[in-house]
PDB file of all heavy atoms in Angstrom:
ATOM      1  N   ARG A   1       0.815  -1.220   0.000  1.00  0.00           N
ATOM      2  CA  ARG A   1       0.000   0.000   0.000  1.00  0.00           C
ATOM      3  C   ARG A   1       0.847   1.266   0.000  1.00  0.00           C
ATOM      4  O   ARG A   1       0.354   2.347  -0.314  1.00  0.00           O
ATOM      5  CB  ARG A   1      -0.933   0.002   1.214  1.00  0.00           C
ATOM      6  CG  ARG A   1      -2.053  -1.032   1.126  1.00  0.00           C
ATOM      7  CD  ARG A   1      -2.818  -1.127   2.437  1.00  0.00           C
ATOM      8  NE  ARG A   1      -1.969  -1.674   3.503  1.00  0.00           N
ATOM      9  CZ  ARG A   1      -2.385  -1.901   4.744  1.00  0.00           C
ATOM     10  NH1 ARG A   1      -3.638  -1.616   5.079  1.00  0.00           N
ATOM     11  NH2 ARG A   1      -1.570  -2.407   5.649  1.00  0.00           N
ATOM     12  N   SER A   2       2.109   1.142   0.380  1.00  0.00           N
ATOM     13  CA  SER A   2       2.980   2.314   0.414  1.00  0.00           C
ATOM     14  C   SER A   2       4.420   1.880   0.213  1.00  0.00           C
ATOM     15  O   SER A   2       4.749   0.684   0.297  1.00  0.00           O
ATOM     16  CB  SER A   2       2.849   3.034   1.759  1.00  0.00           C
ATOM     17  OG  SER A   2       3.377   2.228   2.813  1.00  0.00           O
ATOM     18  N   VAL A   3       5.278   2.851  -0.054  1.00  0.00           N
ATOM     19  CA  VAL A   3       6.692   2.563  -0.247  1.00  0.00           C
ATOM     20  C   VAL A   3       7.299   2.006   1.034  1.00  0.00           C
ATOM     21  O   VAL A   3       8.091   1.048   1.000  1.00  0.00           O
ATOM     22  CB  VAL A   3       7.452   3.842  -0.676  1.00  0.00           C
ATOM     23  CG1 VAL A   3       8.953   3.586  -0.725  1.00  0.00           C
ATOM     24  CG2 VAL A   3       6.953   4.329  -2.030  1.00  0.00           C
ATOM     25  N   TYR A   4       6.927   2.576   2.158  1.00  0.00           N
ATOM     26  CA  TYR A   4       7.450   2.120   3.447  1.00  0.00           C
ATOM     27  C   TYR A   4       7.065   0.667   3.694  1.00  0.00           C
ATOM     28  O   TYR A   4       7.898  -0.154   4.112  1.00  0.00           O
ATOM     29  CB  TYR A   4       6.929   3.003   4.577  1.00  0.00           C
ATOM     30  CG  TYR A   4       7.282   2.484   5.956  1.00  0.00           C
ATOM     31  CD1 TYR A   4       8.586   2.605   6.451  1.00  0.00           C
ATOM     32  CD2 TYR A   4       6.321   1.857   6.758  1.00  0.00           C
ATOM     33  CE1 TYR A   4       8.928   2.114   7.701  1.00  0.00           C
ATOM     34  CE2 TYR A   4       6.659   1.364   8.015  1.00  0.00           C
ATOM     35  CZ  TYR A   4       7.958   1.496   8.477  1.00  0.00           C
ATOM     36  OH  TYR A   4       8.289   1.002   9.716  1.00  0.00           O
ATOM     37  N   GLU A   5       5.797   0.334   3.445  1.00  0.00           N
ATOM     38  CA  GLU A   5       5.341  -1.046   3.657  1.00  0.00           C
ATOM     39  C   GLU A   5       6.070  -2.003   2.724  1.00  0.00           C
ATOM     40  O   GLU A   5       6.464  -3.105   3.123  1.00  0.00           O
ATOM     41  CB  GLU A   5       3.832  -1.147   3.414  1.00  0.00           C
ATOM     42  CG  GLU A   5       3.291  -2.553   3.647  1.00  0.00           C
ATOM     43  CD  GLU A   5       1.819  -2.700   3.280  1.00  0.00           C
ATOM     44  OE1 GLU A   5       1.163  -1.668   3.043  1.00  0.00           O
ATOM     45  OE2 GLU A   5       1.337  -3.844   3.227  1.00  0.00           O
ATOM     46  N   ALA A   6       6.278  -1.574   1.475  1.00  0.00           N
ATOM     47  CA  ALA A   6       6.976  -2.416   0.504  1.00  0.00           C
ATOM     48  C   ALA A   6       8.408  -2.685   0.946  1.00  0.00           C
ATOM     49  O   ALA A   6       8.882  -3.829   0.931  1.00  0.00           O
ATOM     50  CB  ALA A   6       6.965  -1.741  -0.870  1.00  0.00           C
ATOM     51  N   LEU A   7       9.101  -1.632   1.362  1.00  0.00           N
ATOM     52  CA  LEU A   7      10.487  -1.780   1.798  1.00  0.00           C
ATOM     53  C   LEU A   7      10.585  -2.696   3.014  1.00  0.00           C
ATOM     54  O   LEU A   7      11.423  -3.604   3.064  1.00  0.00           O
ATOM     55  CB  LEU A   7      11.065  -0.403   2.124  1.00  0.00           C
ATOM     56  CG  LEU A   7      12.520  -0.374   2.620  1.00  0.00           C
ATOM     57  CD1 LEU A   7      13.458  -0.949   1.570  1.00  0.00           C
ATOM     58  CD2 LEU A   7      12.931   1.050   2.984  1.00  0.00           C
ATOM     59  N   LYS A   8       9.722  -2.465   3.988  1.00  0.00           N
ATOM     60  CA  LYS A   8       9.730  -3.265   5.216  1.00  0.00           C
ATOM     61  C   LYS A   8       9.448  -4.732   4.916  1.00  0.00           C
ATOM     62  O   LYS A   8      10.150  -5.633   5.416  1.00  0.00           O
ATOM     63  CB  LYS A   8       8.685  -2.717   6.188  1.00  0.00           C
ATOM     64  CG  LYS A   8       8.621  -3.445   7.522  1.00  0.00           C
ATOM     65  CD  LYS A   8       7.559  -2.834   8.424  1.00  0.00           C
ATOM     66  CE  LYS A   8       7.439  -3.595   9.735  1.00  0.00           C
ATOM     67  NZ  LYS A   8       6.381  -3.012  10.608  1.00  0.00           N
ATOM     68  N   LYS A   9       8.453  -4.980   4.094  1.00  0.00           N
ATOM     69  CA  LYS A   9       8.045  -6.344   3.786  1.00  0.00           C
ATOM     70  C   LYS A   9       9.125  -7.091   3.003  1.00  0.00           C
ATOM     71  O   LYS A   9       9.407  -8.268   3.267  1.00  0.00           O
ATOM     72  CB  LYS A   9       6.737  -6.317   2.980  1.00  0.00           C
ATOM     73  CG  LYS A   9       5.945  -7.599   3.029  1.00  0.00           C
ATOM     74  CD  LYS A   9       4.561  -7.370   2.438  1.00  0.00           C
ATOM     75  CE  LYS A   9       3.722  -8.642   2.521  1.00  0.00           C
ATOM     76  NZ  LYS A   9       2.353  -8.415   1.984  1.00  0.00           N
ATOM     77  N   ILE A  10       9.733  -6.401   2.040  1.00  0.00           N
ATOM     78  CA  ILE A  10      10.770  -7.034   1.218  1.00  0.00           C
ATOM     79  C   ILE A  10      11.991  -7.376   2.060  1.00  0.00           C
ATOM     80  O   ILE A  10      12.552  -8.475   1.957  1.00  0.00           O
ATOM     81  CB  ILE A  10      11.161  -6.115   0.043  1.00  0.00           C
ATOM     82  CG1 ILE A  10      10.004  -6.030  -0.961  1.00  0.00           C
ATOM     83  CG2 ILE A  10      12.408  -6.635  -0.667  1.00  0.00           C
ATOM     84  CD1 ILE A  10      10.207  -5.009  -2.057  1.00  0.00           C
ATOM     85  N   VAL A  11      12.406  -6.441   2.911  1.00  0.00           N
ATOM     86  CA  VAL A  11      13.583  -6.676   3.758  1.00  0.00           C
ATOM     87  C   VAL A  11      13.341  -7.827   4.725  1.00  0.00           C
ATOM     88  O   VAL A  11      14.207  -8.692   4.917  1.00  0.00           O
ATOM     89  CB  VAL A  11      13.956  -5.390   4.532  1.00  0.00           C
ATOM     90  CG1 VAL A  11      15.000  -5.694   5.596  1.00  0.00           C
ATOM     91  CG2 VAL A  11      14.477  -4.325   3.576  1.00  0.00           C
ATOM     92  N   LEU A  12      12.155  -7.878   5.338  1.00  0.00           N
ATOM     93  CA  LEU A  12      11.858  -8.903   6.329  1.00  0.00           C
ATOM     94  C   LEU A  12      11.684 -10.288   5.716  1.00  0.00           C
ATOM     95  O   LEU A  12      12.064 -11.296   6.317  1.00  0.00           O
ATOM     96  CB  LEU A  12      10.592  -8.525   7.111  1.00  0.00           C
ATOM     97  CG  LEU A  12      10.717  -7.329   8.066  1.00  0.00           C
ATOM     98  CD1 LEU A  12       9.358  -7.008   8.685  1.00  0.00           C
ATOM     99  CD2 LEU A  12      11.750  -7.611   9.152  1.00  0.00           C
ATOM    100  N   THR A  13      11.103 -10.356   4.531  1.00  0.00           N
ATOM    101  CA  THR A  13      10.801 -11.656   3.930  1.00  0.00           C
ATOM    102  C   THR A  13      11.827 -12.139   2.912  1.00  0.00           C
ATOM    103  O   THR A  13      11.955 -13.337   2.670  1.00  0.00           O
ATOM    104  CB  THR A  13       9.415 -11.626   3.242  1.00  0.00           C
ATOM    105  OG1 THR A  13       9.419 -10.609   2.223  1.00  0.00           O
ATOM    106  CG2 THR A  13       8.320 -11.316   4.254  1.00  0.00           C
ATOM    107  N   GLU A  14      12.562 -11.198   2.308  1.00  0.00           N
ATOM    108  CA  GLU A  14      13.469 -11.590   1.227  1.00  0.00           C
ATOM    109  C   GLU A  14      14.930 -11.231   1.497  1.00  0.00           C
ATOM    110  O   GLU A  14      15.799 -11.559   0.695  1.00  0.00           O
ATOM    111  CB  GLU A  14      13.016 -10.958  -0.094  1.00  0.00           C
ATOM    112  CG  GLU A  14      11.603 -11.354  -0.493  1.00  0.00           C
ATOM    113  CD  GLU A  14      11.139 -10.650  -1.748  1.00  0.00           C
ATOM    114  OE1 GLU A  14      11.897 -10.665  -2.746  1.00  0.00           O
ATOM    115  OE2 GLU A  14      10.032 -10.076  -1.758  1.00  0.00           O
ATOM    116  N   GLY A  15      15.190 -10.557   2.603  1.00  0.00           N
ATOM    117  CA  GLY A  15      16.567 -10.230   2.934  1.00  0.00           C
ATOM    118  C   GLY A  15      16.888  -8.756   2.786  1.00  0.00           C
ATOM    119  O   GLY A  15      16.254  -8.037   2.018  1.00  0.00           O
ATOM    120  N   PHE A  16      17.915  -8.333   3.517  1.00  0.00           N
ATOM    121  CA  PHE A  16      18.290  -6.920   3.581  1.00  0.00           C
ATOM    122  C   PHE A  16      18.731  -6.363   2.229  1.00  0.00           C
ATOM    123  O   PHE A  16      18.453  -5.210   1.890  1.00  0.00           O
ATOM    124  CB  PHE A  16      19.418  -6.745   4.603  1.00  0.00           C
ATOM    125  CG  PHE A  16      19.885  -5.331   4.756  1.00  0.00           C
ATOM    126  CD1 PHE A  16      19.166  -4.423   5.528  1.00  0.00           C
ATOM    127  CD2 PHE A  16      21.040  -4.902   4.112  1.00  0.00           C
ATOM    128  CE1 PHE A  16      19.591  -3.112   5.658  1.00  0.00           C
ATOM    129  CE2 PHE A  16      21.480  -3.589   4.249  1.00  0.00           C
ATOM    130  CZ  PHE A  16      20.751  -2.697   5.018  1.00  0.00           C
ATOM    131  N   TRP A  17      19.429  -7.183   1.424  1.00  0.00           N
ATOM    132  CA  TRP A  17      19.994  -6.700   0.171  1.00  0.00           C
ATOM    133  C   TRP A  17      19.048  -6.800  -1.020  1.00  0.00           C
ATOM    134  O   TRP A  17      19.371  -6.329  -2.104  1.00  0.00           O
ATOM    135  CB  TRP A  17      21.289  -7.468  -0.149  1.00  0.00           C
ATOM    136  CG  TRP A  17      22.358  -7.258   0.872  1.00  0.00           C
ATOM    137  CD1 TRP A  17      22.806  -8.166   1.790  1.00  0.00           C
ATOM    138  CD2 TRP A  17      23.102  -6.059   1.108  1.00  0.00           C
ATOM    139  NE1 TRP A  17      23.780  -7.620   2.579  1.00  0.00           N
ATOM    140  CE2 TRP A  17      23.994  -6.324   2.183  1.00  0.00           C
ATOM    141  CE3 TRP A  17      23.103  -4.789   0.523  1.00  0.00           C
ATOM    142  CZ2 TRP A  17      24.870  -5.360   2.671  1.00  0.00           C
ATOM    143  CZ3 TRP A  17      23.980  -3.830   0.999  1.00  0.00           C
ATOM    144  CH2 TRP A  17      24.840  -4.118   2.061  1.00  0.00           C
ATOM    145  N   ARG A  18      17.893  -7.395  -0.817  1.00  0.00           N
ATOM    146  CA  ARG A  18      16.967  -7.601  -1.930  1.00  0.00           C
ATOM    147  C   ARG A  18      16.541  -6.292  -2.618  1.00  0.00           C
ATOM    148  O   ARG A  18      16.465  -6.252  -3.851  1.00  0.00           O
ATOM    149  CB  ARG A  18      15.729  -8.355  -1.422  1.00  0.00           C
ATOM    150  CG  ARG A  18      14.672  -8.609  -2.481  1.00  0.00           C
ATOM    151  CD  ARG A  18      15.189  -9.494  -3.598  1.00  0.00           C
ATOM    152  NE  ARG A  18      14.143  -9.762  -4.580  1.00  0.00           N
ATOM    153  CZ  ARG A  18      14.296 -10.471  -5.678  1.00  0.00           C
ATOM    154  NH1 ARG A  18      15.478 -11.011  -5.936  1.00  0.00           N
ATOM    155  NH2 ARG A  18      13.310 -10.659  -6.514  1.00  0.00           N
ATOM    156  N   PRO A  19      16.267  -5.209  -1.886  1.00  0.00           N
ATOM    157  CA  PRO A  19      15.860  -3.969  -2.560  1.00  0.00           C
ATOM    158  C   PRO A  19      16.933  -3.380  -3.475  1.00  0.00           C
ATOM    159  O   PRO A  19      16.635  -2.527  -4.316  1.00  0.00           O
ATOM    160  CB  PRO A  19      15.568  -3.010  -1.390  1.00  0.00           C
ATOM    161  CG  PRO A  19      15.229  -3.913  -0.246  1.00  0.00           C
ATOM    162  CD  PRO A  19      16.122  -5.090  -0.423  1.00  0.00           C
ATOM    163  N   LEU A  20      18.199  -3.831  -3.316  1.00  0.00           N
ATOM    164  CA  LEU A  20      19.287  -3.300  -4.136  1.00  0.00           C
ATOM    165  C   LEU A  20      19.594  -4.190  -5.338  1.00  0.00           C
ATOM    166  O   LEU A  20      20.568  -3.955  -6.056  1.00  0.00           O
ATOM    167  CB  LEU A  20      20.555  -3.152  -3.288  1.00  0.00           C
ATOM    168  CG  LEU A  20      20.475  -2.139  -2.139  1.00  0.00           C
ATOM    169  CD1 LEU A  20      21.785  -2.111  -1.376  1.00  0.00           C
ATOM    170  CD2 LEU A  20      20.146  -0.748  -2.662  1.00  0.00           C
ATOM    171  N   ARG A  21      18.743  -5.163  -5.574  1.00  0.00           N
ATOM    172  CA  ARG A  21      19.006  -6.064  -6.691  1.00  0.00           C
ATOM    173  C   ARG A  21      18.914  -5.310  -8.014  1.00  0.00           C
ATOM    174  O   ARG A  21      17.981  -4.561  -8.241  1.00  0.00           O
ATOM    175  CB  ARG A  21      18.004  -7.221  -6.682  1.00  0.00           C
ATOM    176  CG  ARG A  21      18.492  -8.386  -7.508  1.00  0.00           C
ATOM    177  CD  ARG A  21      17.776  -9.663  -7.139  1.00  0.00           C
ATOM    178  NE  ARG A  21      18.494 -10.820  -7.650  1.00  0.00           N
ATOM    179  CZ  ARG A  21      17.891 -11.904  -8.095  1.00  0.00           C
ATOM    180  NH1 ARG A  21      16.591 -11.988  -8.077  1.00  0.00           N
ATOM    181  NH2 ARG A  21      18.592 -12.912  -8.542  1.00  0.00           N
ATOM    182  N   GLY A  22      19.882  -5.527  -8.877  1.00  0.00           N
ATOM    183  CA  GLY A  22      19.912  -4.850 -10.168  1.00  0.00           C
ATOM    184  C   GLY A  22      20.691  -3.548 -10.148  1.00  0.00           C
ATOM    185  O   GLY A  22      20.766  -2.845 -11.152  1.00  0.00           O
ATOM    186  N   ILE A  23      21.308  -3.225  -9.013  1.00  0.00           N
ATOM    187  CA  ILE A  23      22.033  -1.958  -8.890  1.00  0.00           C
ATOM    188  C   ILE A  23      23.239  -1.898  -9.828  1.00  0.00           C
ATOM    189  O   ILE A  23      23.591  -0.822 -10.340  1.00  0.00           O
ATOM    190  CB  ILE A  23      22.481  -1.716  -7.425  1.00  0.00           C
ATOM    191  CG1 ILE A  23      22.989  -0.282  -7.263  1.00  0.00           C
ATOM    192  CG2 ILE A  23      23.528  -2.731  -6.989  1.00  0.00           C
ATOM    193  CD1 ILE A  23      23.290   0.103  -5.828  1.00  0.00           C
ATOM    194  N   ASN A  24      23.867  -3.044 -10.081  1.00  0.00           N
ATOM    195  CA  ASN A  24      25.030  -3.059 -10.970  1.00  0.00           C
ATOM    196  C   ASN A  24      24.655  -2.685 -12.399  1.00  0.00           C
ATOM    197  O   ASN A  24      25.389  -1.995 -13.092  1.00  0.00           O
ATOM    198  CB  ASN A  24      25.736  -4.417 -10.925  1.00  0.00           C
ATOM    199  CG  ASN A  24      24.780  -5.579 -11.093  1.00  0.00           C
ATOM    200  OD1 ASN A  24      23.557  -5.421 -11.038  1.00  0.00           O
ATOM    201  ND2 ASN A  24      25.326  -6.769 -11.290  1.00  0.00           N
ATOM    202  N   VAL A  25      23.472  -3.135 -12.838  1.00  0.00           N
ATOM    203  CA  VAL A  25      23.001  -2.795 -14.179  1.00  0.00           C
ATOM    204  C   VAL A  25      22.691  -1.300 -14.259  1.00  0.00           C
ATOM    205  O   VAL A  25      23.001  -0.638 -15.252  1.00  0.00           O
ATOM    206  CB  VAL A  25      21.740  -3.610 -14.540  1.00  0.00           C
ATOM    207  CG1 VAL A  25      21.269  -3.285 -15.943  1.00  0.00           C
ATOM    208  CG2 VAL A  25      22.022  -5.096 -14.414  1.00  0.00           C
ATOM    209  N   THR A  26      22.087  -0.771 -13.206  1.00  0.00           N
ATOM    210  CA  THR A  26      21.754   0.656 -13.160  1.00  0.00           C
ATOM    211  C   THR A  26      23.008   1.515 -13.234  1.00  0.00           C
ATOM    212  O   THR A  26      23.054   2.523 -13.952  1.00  0.00           O
ATOM    213  CB  THR A  26      20.997   0.991 -11.859  1.00  0.00           C
ATOM    214  OG1 THR A  26      19.818   0.186 -11.788  1.00  0.00           O
ATOM    215  CG2 THR A  26      20.599   2.452 -11.821  1.00  0.00           C
ATOM    216  N   MET A  27      24.038   1.121 -12.505  1.00  0.00           N
ATOM    217  CA  MET A  27      25.283   1.894 -12.478  1.00  0.00           C
ATOM    218  C   MET A  27      25.973   1.908 -13.828  1.00  0.00           C
ATOM    219  O   MET A  27      26.562   2.928 -14.226  1.00  0.00           O
ATOM    220  CB  MET A  27      26.224   1.318 -11.408  1.00  0.00           C
ATOM    221  CG  MET A  27      25.744   1.553  -9.985  1.00  0.00           C
ATOM    222  SD  MET A  27      26.753   0.694  -8.756  1.00  0.00           S
ATOM    223  CE  MET A  27      28.306   1.553  -8.944  1.00  0.00           C
ATOM    224  N   LEU A  28      25.893   0.822 -14.570  1.00  0.00           N
ATOM    225  CA  LEU A  28      26.549   0.747 -15.866  1.00  0.00           C
ATOM    226  C   LEU A  28      25.946   1.742 -16.862  1.00  0.00           C
ATOM    227  O   LEU A  28      26.658   2.315 -17.687  1.00  0.00           O
ATOM    228  CB  LEU A  28      26.437  -0.677 -16.435  1.00  0.00           C
ATOM    229  CG  LEU A  28      27.362  -1.725 -15.820  1.00  0.00           C
ATOM    230  CD1 LEU A  28      27.024  -3.108 -16.348  1.00  0.00           C
ATOM    231  CD2 LEU A  28      28.818  -1.385 -16.110  1.00  0.00           C
ATOM    232  N   GLY A  29      24.618   1.932 -16.776  1.00  0.00           N
ATOM    233  CA  GLY A  29      23.964   2.818 -17.731  1.00  0.00           C
ATOM    234  C   GLY A  29      23.880   4.267 -17.299  1.00  0.00           C
ATOM    235  O   GLY A  29      23.744   5.165 -18.130  1.00  0.00           O
ATOM    236  N   ALA A  30      23.981   4.512 -15.984  1.00  0.00           N
ATOM    237  CA  ALA A  30      23.783   5.867 -15.463  1.00  0.00           C
ATOM    238  C   ALA A  30      24.864   6.841 -15.908  1.00  0.00           C
ATOM    239  O   ALA A  30      24.566   7.976 -16.294  1.00  0.00           O
ATOM    240  CB  ALA A  30      23.713   5.828 -13.934  1.00  0.00           C
ATOM    241  N   GLY A  31      26.124   6.430 -15.864  1.00  0.00           N
ATOM    242  CA  GLY A  31      27.226   7.320 -16.217  1.00  0.00           C
ATOM    243  C   GLY A  31      27.148   7.842 -17.642  1.00  0.00           C
ATOM    244  O   GLY A  31      27.103   9.058 -17.861  1.00  0.00           O
ATOM    245  N   PRO A  32      27.126   6.954 -18.645  1.00  0.00           N
ATOM    246  CA  PRO A  32      27.059   7.408 -20.039  1.00  0.00           C
ATOM    247  C   PRO A  32      25.821   8.246 -20.336  1.00  0.00           C
ATOM    248  O   PRO A  32      25.889   9.226 -21.072  1.00  0.00           O
ATOM    249  CB  PRO A  32      27.025   6.087 -20.825  1.00  0.00           C
ATOM    250  CG  PRO A  32      27.677   5.104 -19.932  1.00  0.00           C
ATOM    251  CD  PRO A  32      27.270   5.496 -18.546  1.00  0.00           C
ATOM    252  N   ALA A  33      24.687   7.869 -19.759  1.00  0.00           N
ATOM    253  CA  ALA A  33      23.441   8.599 -20.033  1.00  0.00           C
ATOM    254  C   ALA A  33      23.519  10.037 -19.518  1.00  0.00           C
ATOM    255  O   ALA A  33      23.183  10.995 -20.229  1.00  0.00           O
ATOM    256  CB  ALA A  33      22.266   7.872 -19.386  1.00  0.00           C
ATOM    257  N   HIS A  34      23.973  10.201 -18.271  1.00  0.00           N
ATOM    258  CA  HIS A  34      24.064  11.548 -17.702  1.00  0.00           C
ATOM    259  C   HIS A  34      25.122  12.383 -18.417  1.00  0.00           C
ATOM    260  O   HIS A  34      24.934  13.589 -18.633  1.00  0.00           O
ATOM    261  CB  HIS A  34      24.384  11.476 -16.204  1.00  0.00           C
ATOM    262  CG  HIS A  34      23.201  11.155 -15.358  1.00  0.00           C
ATOM    263  ND1 HIS A  34      22.754   9.869 -15.167  1.00  0.00           N
ATOM    264  CD2 HIS A  34      22.329  11.953 -14.666  1.00  0.00           C
ATOM    265  CE1 HIS A  34      21.690   9.879 -14.389  1.00  0.00           C
ATOM    266  NE2 HIS A  34      21.408  11.134 -14.076  1.00  0.00           N
ATOM    267  N   ALA A  35      26.220  11.765 -18.788  1.00  0.00           N
ATOM    268  CA  ALA A  35      27.269  12.493 -19.501  1.00  0.00           C
ATOM    269  C   ALA A  35      26.741  13.041 -20.821  1.00  0.00           C
ATOM    270  O   ALA A  35      26.995  14.195 -21.186  1.00  0.00           O
ATOM    271  CB  ALA A  35      28.466  11.571 -19.749  1.00  0.00           C
ATOM    272  N   MET A  36      25.987  12.221 -21.553  1.00  0.00           N
ATOM    273  CA  MET A  36      25.444  12.657 -22.833  1.00  0.00           C
ATOM    274  C   MET A  36      24.447  13.794 -22.664  1.00  0.00           C
ATOM    275  O   MET A  36      24.501  14.807 -23.360  1.00  0.00           O
ATOM    276  CB  MET A  36      24.762  11.483 -23.539  1.00  0.00           C
ATOM    277  CG  MET A  36      24.251  11.840 -24.931  1.00  0.00           C
ATOM    278  SD  MET A  36      22.902  10.781 -25.470  1.00  0.00           S
ATOM    279  CE  MET A  36      21.588  11.287 -24.389  1.00  0.00           C
ATOM    280  N   TYR A  37      23.517  13.628 -21.718  1.00  0.00           N
ATOM    281  CA  TYR A  37      22.475  14.638 -21.528  1.00  0.00           C
ATOM    282  C   TYR A  37      23.065  15.995 -21.161  1.00  0.00           C
ATOM    283  O   TYR A  37      22.725  17.024 -21.744  1.00  0.00           O
ATOM    284  CB  TYR A  37      21.494  14.196 -20.441  1.00  0.00           C
ATOM    285  CG  TYR A  37      20.459  13.225 -20.931  1.00  0.00           C
ATOM    286  CD1 TYR A  37      20.267  11.997 -20.290  1.00  0.00           C
ATOM    287  CD2 TYR A  37      19.667  13.512 -22.034  1.00  0.00           C
ATOM    288  CE1 TYR A  37      19.329  11.097 -20.742  1.00  0.00           C
ATOM    289  CE2 TYR A  37      18.723  12.614 -22.494  1.00  0.00           C
ATOM    290  CZ  TYR A  37      18.551  11.404 -21.836  1.00  0.00           C
ATOM    291  OH  TYR A  37      17.620  10.519 -22.286  1.00  0.00           O
TER     292      TYR A  37
END
């Protein structure tokens, strides 16, 4: 129902690092995109 509830539920049921899944892919694309813009 809310971002807070989602974060709490994911951390408690799926682990502390679960909300950061996919961060490596995000970092790879963020640099070139911002540089171009």
